[in-house]
Amino acid sequence: MKTAISLPDTLFEKAERLAANLGISRSQLYARAVESFIERHDVEAITTRLNEIYANEQSGVNPVLLSMQTDTLGDENRR
């Protein structure tokens, strides 16, 4: 799909240089940039990926650490 957008001159020039350095067309550069932006802002995909990562991780508190933290509270804070 073709589309027209407006960019500040400095941003356009930076994009032109980057596309040339990468050896890709301007259209490819903009398509990749938009795709990357969308992926970074896709909350559902981020949540799914985090769930995949942490599904295999233990989420409990280390018993030794818990004991040390509890000991620092003192008797007046234990209930």
C-alpha atoms as a PDB file:
ATOM      1  CA  MET A   1       0.000   0.000   0.000  1.00  0.00           C
ATOM      2  CA  LYS A   2       1.288   3.423  -0.833  1.00  0.00           C
ATOM      3  CA  THR A   3       0.922   6.248   1.636  1.00  0.00           C
ATOM      4  CA  ALA A   4       2.156   9.806   2.012  1.00  0.00           C
ATOM      5  CA  ILE A   5       3.550  11.194   5.251  1.00  0.00           C
ATOM      6  CA  SER A   6       5.125  14.461   6.327  1.00  0.00           C
ATOM      7  CA  LEU A   7       8.443  14.494   8.178  1.00  0.00           C
ATOM      8  CA  PRO A   8      10.682  17.275   9.415  1.00  0.00           C
ATOM      9  CA  ASP A   9      13.571  17.806   6.991  1.00  0.00           C
ATOM     10  CA  THR A  10      16.192  16.717   9.513  1.00  0.00           C
ATOM     11  CA  LEU A  11      14.392  13.438  10.237  1.00  0.00           C
ATOM     12  CA  PHE A  12      13.954  12.755   6.526  1.00  0.00           C
ATOM     13  CA  GLU A  13      17.663  13.342   5.907  1.00  0.00           C
ATOM     14  CA  LYS A  14      18.647  11.012   8.758  1.00  0.00           C
ATOM     15  CA  ALA A  15      16.309   8.351   7.414  1.00  0.00           C
ATOM     16  CA  GLU A  16      17.779   8.733   3.916  1.00  0.00           C
ATOM     17  CA  ARG A  17      21.312   8.301   5.248  1.00  0.00           C
ATOM     18  CA  LEU A  18      20.345   5.279   7.324  1.00  0.00           C
ATOM     19  CA  ALA A  19      18.579   3.583   4.425  1.00  0.00           C
ATOM     20  CA  ALA A  20      21.642   4.174   2.239  1.00  0.00           C
ATOM     21  CA  ASN A  21      23.977   2.835   4.941  1.00  0.00           C
ATOM     22  CA  LEU A  22      21.820  -0.265   5.355  1.00  0.00           C
ATOM     23  CA  GLY A  23      21.486  -0.729   1.608  1.00  0.00           C
ATOM     24  CA  ILE A  24      17.700  -0.751   1.711  1.00  0.00           C
ATOM     25  CA  SER A  25      15.032   1.399   0.124  1.00  0.00           C
ATOM     26  CA  ARG A  26      13.297   4.229   1.932  1.00  0.00           C
ATOM     27  CA  SER A  27      10.079   2.199   1.868  1.00  0.00           C
ATOM     28  CA  GLN A  28      11.803  -0.760   3.505  1.00  0.00           C
ATOM     29  CA  LEU A  29      13.261   1.494   6.185  1.00  0.00           C
ATOM     30  CA  TYR A  30       9.901   3.040   7.029  1.00  0.00           C
ATOM     31  CA  ALA A  31       8.125  -0.335   6.972  1.00  0.00           C
ATOM     32  CA  ARG A  32      10.697  -1.812   9.357  1.00  0.00           C
ATOM     33  CA  ALA A  33      10.477   1.211  11.645  1.00  0.00           C
ATOM     34  CA  VAL A  34       6.688   1.101  11.847  1.00  0.00           C
ATOM     35  CA  GLU A  35       6.715  -2.666  12.391  1.00  0.00           C
ATOM     36  CA  SER A  36       9.244  -2.321  15.214  1.00  0.00           C
ATOM     37  CA  PHE A  37       7.234   0.492  16.804  1.00  0.00           C
ATOM     38  CA  ILE A  38       4.048  -1.560  16.692  1.00  0.00           C
ATOM     39  CA  GLU A  39       5.753  -4.628  18.173  1.00  0.00           C
ATOM     40  CA  ARG A  40       7.133  -2.579  21.073  1.00  0.00           C
ATOM     41  CA  HIS A  41       3.691  -1.194  21.828  1.00  0.00           C
ATOM     42  CA  ASP A  42       1.685  -4.395  21.465  1.00  0.00           C
ATOM     43  CA  VAL A  43       0.805  -4.920  25.128  1.00  0.00           C
ATOM     44  CA  GLU A  44      -0.835  -8.285  24.533  1.00  0.00           C
ATOM     45  CA  ALA A  45       2.257  -9.657  22.792  1.00  0.00           C
ATOM     46  CA  ILE A  46       4.490  -8.290  25.538  1.00  0.00           C
ATOM     47  CA  THR A  47       2.348  -9.911  28.223  1.00  0.00           C
ATOM     48  CA  THR A  48       2.326 -13.212  26.336  1.00  0.00           C
ATOM     49  CA  ARG A  49       6.108 -13.159  25.968  1.00  0.00           C
ATOM     50  CA  LEU A  50       6.637 -12.304  29.648  1.00  0.00           C
ATOM     51  CA  ASN A  51       4.285 -15.118  30.652  1.00  0.00           C
ATOM     52  CA  GLU A  52       6.323 -17.515  28.497  1.00  0.00           C
ATOM     53  CA  ILE A  53       9.566 -16.371  30.094  1.00  0.00           C
ATOM     54  CA  TYR A  54       8.337 -16.525  33.673  1.00  0.00           C
ATOM     55  CA  ALA A  55       6.380 -19.761  33.293  1.00  0.00           C
ATOM     56  CA  ASN A  56       9.613 -21.639  33.959  1.00  0.00           C
ATOM     57  CA  GLU A  57      10.904 -19.341  36.692  1.00  0.00           C
ATOM     58  CA  GLN A  58      10.318 -19.868  40.390  1.00  0.00           C
ATOM     59  CA  SER A  59       8.421 -16.888  41.746  1.00  0.00           C
ATOM     60  CA  GLY A  60       8.508 -17.664  45.456  1.00  0.00           C
ATOM     61  CA  VAL A  61      10.595 -15.826  48.009  1.00  0.00           C
ATOM     62  CA  ASN A  62      13.806 -17.540  49.016  1.00  0.00           C
ATOM     63  CA  PRO A  63      13.200 -18.952  52.547  1.00  0.00           C
ATOM     64  CA  VAL A  64      16.587 -17.746  53.833  1.00  0.00           C
ATOM     65  CA  LEU A  65      15.970 -14.244  52.507  1.00  0.00           C
ATOM     66  CA  LEU A  66      12.463 -14.236  53.986  1.00  0.00           C
ATOM     67  CA  SER A  67      13.841 -15.246  57.381  1.00  0.00           C
ATOM     68  CA  MET A  68      16.486 -12.513  57.268  1.00  0.00           C
ATOM     69  CA  GLN A  69      13.902  -9.898  56.307  1.00  0.00           C
ATOM     70  CA  THR A  70      11.524 -11.024  59.042  1.00  0.00           C
ATOM     71  CA  ASP A  71      14.306 -10.901  61.619  1.00  0.00           C
ATOM     72  CA  THR A  72      14.980  -7.239  60.813  1.00  0.00           C
ATOM     73  CA  LEU A  73      11.379  -6.252  61.585  1.00  0.00           C
ATOM     74  CA  GLY A  74      11.610  -6.811  65.303  1.00  0.00           C
ATOM     75  CA  ASP A  75       8.918  -8.193  67.606  1.00  0.00           C
ATOM     76  CA  GLU A  76       6.666  -5.107  67.481  1.00  0.00           C
ATOM     77  CA  ASN A  77       6.079  -5.502  63.717  1.00  0.00           C
ATOM     78  CA  ARG A  78       5.300  -9.240  63.710  1.00  0.00           C
ATOM     79  CA  ARG A  79       1.628 -10.127  63.774  1.00  0.00           C
END
